[in-house]
């Protein structure tokens, strides 16, 4: 029934599995909001790939759901580590010392490149970048100040990181 696009079948699958997936993800020590977001993404993935599940037994679908949840969580953790590395790089320390003048030059060129990339971003994304990396605000503080959700802040930060990693 799911394969044919039966919305009721999907709703039933969602209601039965979403809370289980979310609770499974919470065991990975991620924030509740992240667990909810990933669980929703997993269920959306099931819906988008429903045609592939013909002939699947419930057990196989269950394995697909949990494997997808695990993979999405691991991907999120990798992205977080990249963002943390980026954040460390972008927080300028006036007392930083360089091994050589060349190292300082390379670092300054990277900062200039990042600034060029950020300058081409939409105004809201630029503001989020400044608040996060220049002002050192948390996602919660940014969301509160801009009157947007933390999920929206995370999405913008993820996009910012991807842009910078791609072009810097």
Protein backbone atom coordinates (compact mmCIF):
# COMPACT_ATOMS: atom_id res chain seq x y z
CA UNK A 1 0.00 0.00 0.00
CA UNK A 2 2.85 2.39 0.80
CA UNK A 3 4.39 1.73 -2.61
CA UNK A 4 1.24 2.86 -4.41
CA UNK A 5 1.31 6.20 -2.62
CA UNK A 6 -1.37 5.44 -0.06
CA UNK A 7 -1.16 8.44 2.26
CA UNK A 8 -3.04 6.62 5.03
CA UNK A 9 -0.45 3.82 4.96
CA UNK A 10 2.33 6.38 5.25
CA UNK A 11 0.56 8.21 8.09
CA UNK A 12 0.28 4.93 9.96
CA UNK A 13 3.94 4.11 9.31
CA UNK A 14 4.91 7.63 10.43
CA UNK A 15 2.85 7.51 13.63
CA UNK A 16 4.25 4.09 14.52
CA UNK A 17 7.91 4.80 13.72
CA UNK A 18 8.62 8.51 14.13
CA UNK A 19 8.69 8.45 17.96
CA UNK A 20 10.80 5.28 17.94
CA UNK A 21 13.31 6.74 15.50
CA UNK A 22 13.49 10.03 17.43
CA UNK A 23 14.09 8.17 20.71
CA UNK A 24 16.71 5.96 19.04
CA UNK A 25 18.51 9.09 17.84
CA UNK A 26 18.46 10.63 21.31
CA UNK A 27 20.64 7.73 22.45
CA UNK A 28 23.34 9.16 20.14
CA UNK A 29 23.61 12.16 22.47
CA UNK A 30 22.26 14.67 20.01
CA UNK A 31 19.90 17.48 20.91
CA UNK A 32 16.18 16.81 20.96
CA UNK A 33 15.51 19.26 18.11
CA UNK A 34 18.14 17.56 15.95
CA UNK A 35 16.66 14.14 16.71
CA UNK A 36 13.22 15.40 15.69
CA UNK A 37 14.57 16.92 12.49
CA UNK A 38 16.47 13.78 11.50
CA UNK A 39 13.50 11.54 12.34
CA UNK A 40 11.31 13.69 10.07
CA UNK A 41 13.94 13.54 7.32
CA UNK A 42 14.09 9.75 7.65
CA UNK A 43 10.34 9.41 7.33
CA UNK A 44 10.35 11.78 4.35
CA UNK A 45 13.04 9.59 2.78
CA UNK A 46 10.78 6.56 3.18
CA UNK A 47 7.96 8.41 1.44
CA UNK A 48 10.19 9.61 -1.39
CA UNK A 49 11.58 6.11 -1.96
CA UNK A 50 8.31 4.25 -1.39
CA UNK A 51 8.38 2.62 -4.83
CA UNK A 52 11.57 0.77 -3.90
CA UNK A 53 9.84 -1.01 -1.02
CA UNK A 54 7.71 -3.37 -3.09
CA UNK A 55 8.05 -6.84 -1.70
CA UNK A 56 9.79 -5.59 1.44
CA UNK A 57 8.83 -7.24 4.66
CA UNK A 58 8.18 -4.99 7.63
CA UNK A 59 11.49 -6.10 9.11
CA UNK A 60 13.39 -4.93 6.02
CA UNK A 61 11.62 -1.57 6.01
CA UNK A 62 12.38 -1.23 9.71
CA UNK A 63 16.08 -1.90 9.00
CA UNK A 64 16.05 0.68 6.20
CA UNK A 65 14.53 3.28 8.53
CA UNK A 66 17.11 2.73 11.28
CA UNK A 67 20.05 2.51 8.89
CA UNK A 68 18.97 5.78 7.28
CA UNK A 69 18.60 7.38 10.72
CA UNK A 70 22.09 6.26 11.70
CA UNK A 71 23.61 7.49 8.45
CA UNK A 72 21.91 10.87 8.69
CA UNK A 73 23.13 11.22 12.28
CA UNK A 74 26.70 10.38 11.30
CA UNK A 75 26.51 12.90 8.46
CA UNK A 76 25.25 15.56 10.89
CA UNK A 77 28.13 14.81 13.27
CA UNK A 78 30.66 15.16 10.43
CA UNK A 79 29.10 18.48 9.43
CA UNK A 80 29.24 19.66 13.05
CA UNK A 81 32.94 18.84 13.27
CA UNK A 82 33.61 20.73 10.03
CA UNK A 83 31.64 23.70 11.35
CA UNK A 84 33.59 23.63 14.62
CA UNK A 85 36.89 23.62 12.70
CA UNK A 86 35.65 26.47 10.56
CA UNK A 87 34.52 28.38 13.63
CA UNK A 88 37.95 28.00 15.24
CA UNK A 89 39.58 29.28 12.06
CA UNK A 90 37.26 32.26 11.76
CA UNK A 91 37.54 33.48 15.32
CA UNK A 92 40.38 35.87 14.98
CA UNK A 93 42.71 36.10 17.92
CA UNK A 94 44.66 39.37 17.92
CA UNK A 95 47.46 37.70 19.86
CA UNK A 96 47.85 34.85 17.38
CA UNK A 97 51.43 34.11 16.44
CA UNK A 98 52.49 32.60 13.13
CA UNK A 99 55.34 30.25 12.42
CA UNK A 100 56.42 32.31 9.45
CA UNK A 101 55.41 35.38 7.43
CA UNK A 102 54.18 32.99 4.72
CA UNK A 103 51.82 31.32 7.18
CA UNK A 104 50.41 34.69 8.18
CA UNK A 105 50.00 35.64 4.51
CA UNK A 106 48.15 32.39 3.70
CA UNK A 107 45.89 32.85 6.73
CA UNK A 108 45.10 36.45 5.76
CA UNK A 109 44.34 35.39 2.19
CA UNK A 110 41.95 32.73 3.48
CA UNK A 111 40.17 35.30 5.64
CA UNK A 112 39.87 37.64 2.65
CA UNK A 113 38.44 34.79 0.57
CA UNK A 114 35.91 33.98 3.30
CA UNK A 115 34.92 37.65 3.49
CA UNK A 116 34.37 37.74 -0.30
CA UNK A 117 32.19 34.62 -0.11
CA UNK A 118 30.18 36.00 2.79
CA UNK A 119 29.72 39.37 1.06
CA UNK A 120 27.89 37.60 -1.80
CA UNK A 121 25.46 35.85 0.55
CA UNK A 122 21.91 37.09 1.16
CA UNK A 123 21.59 39.74 3.88
CA UNK A 124 20.06 37.42 6.50
CA UNK A 125 22.73 34.77 5.97
CA UNK A 126 25.47 37.40 6.22
CA UNK A 127 23.95 38.63 9.48
CA UNK A 128 23.82 35.09 10.87
CA UNK A 129 27.45 34.60 9.89
CA UNK A 130 28.47 37.78 11.69
CA UNK A 131 26.46 36.92 14.79
CA UNK A 132 27.86 33.38 14.92
CA UNK A 133 31.49 33.90 14.00
CA UNK A 134 32.21 37.54 14.84
CA UNK A 135 29.98 38.03 17.87
CA UNK A 136 30.23 34.42 19.10
CA UNK A 137 26.47 34.05 19.69
CA UNK A 138 24.83 30.64 20.06
CA UNK A 139 22.19 29.41 17.63
CA UNK A 140 19.56 30.00 20.28
CA UNK A 141 20.66 33.62 20.78
CA UNK A 142 20.71 34.24 17.04
CA UNK A 143 17.24 32.74 16.61
CA UNK A 144 15.87 34.85 19.43
CA UNK A 145 17.41 38.07 18.13
CA UNK A 146 16.31 37.51 14.52
CA UNK A 147 12.94 36.04 15.51
CA UNK A 148 13.49 32.84 13.52
CA UNK A 149 13.68 29.19 14.56
CA UNK A 150 16.89 27.50 15.64
CA UNK A 151 16.36 25.05 12.81
CA UNK A 152 16.46 27.95 10.35
CA UNK A 153 19.66 29.22 11.97
CA UNK A 154 21.22 25.74 11.69
CA UNK A 155 20.21 25.53 8.03
CA UNK A 156 21.82 28.89 7.28
CA UNK A 157 24.99 27.92 9.16
CA UNK A 158 25.15 24.62 7.31
CA UNK A 159 24.83 26.47 3.99
CA UNK A 160 27.46 29.02 5.06
CA UNK A 161 29.87 26.22 5.98
CA UNK A 162 29.28 24.41 2.70
CA UNK A 163 29.86 27.57 0.68
CA UNK A 164 33.05 28.43 2.52
CA UNK A 165 34.41 24.86 2.38
CA UNK A 166 33.65 24.72 -1.34
CA UNK A 167 35.18 28.04 -2.38
CA UNK A 168 37.76 28.91 0.28
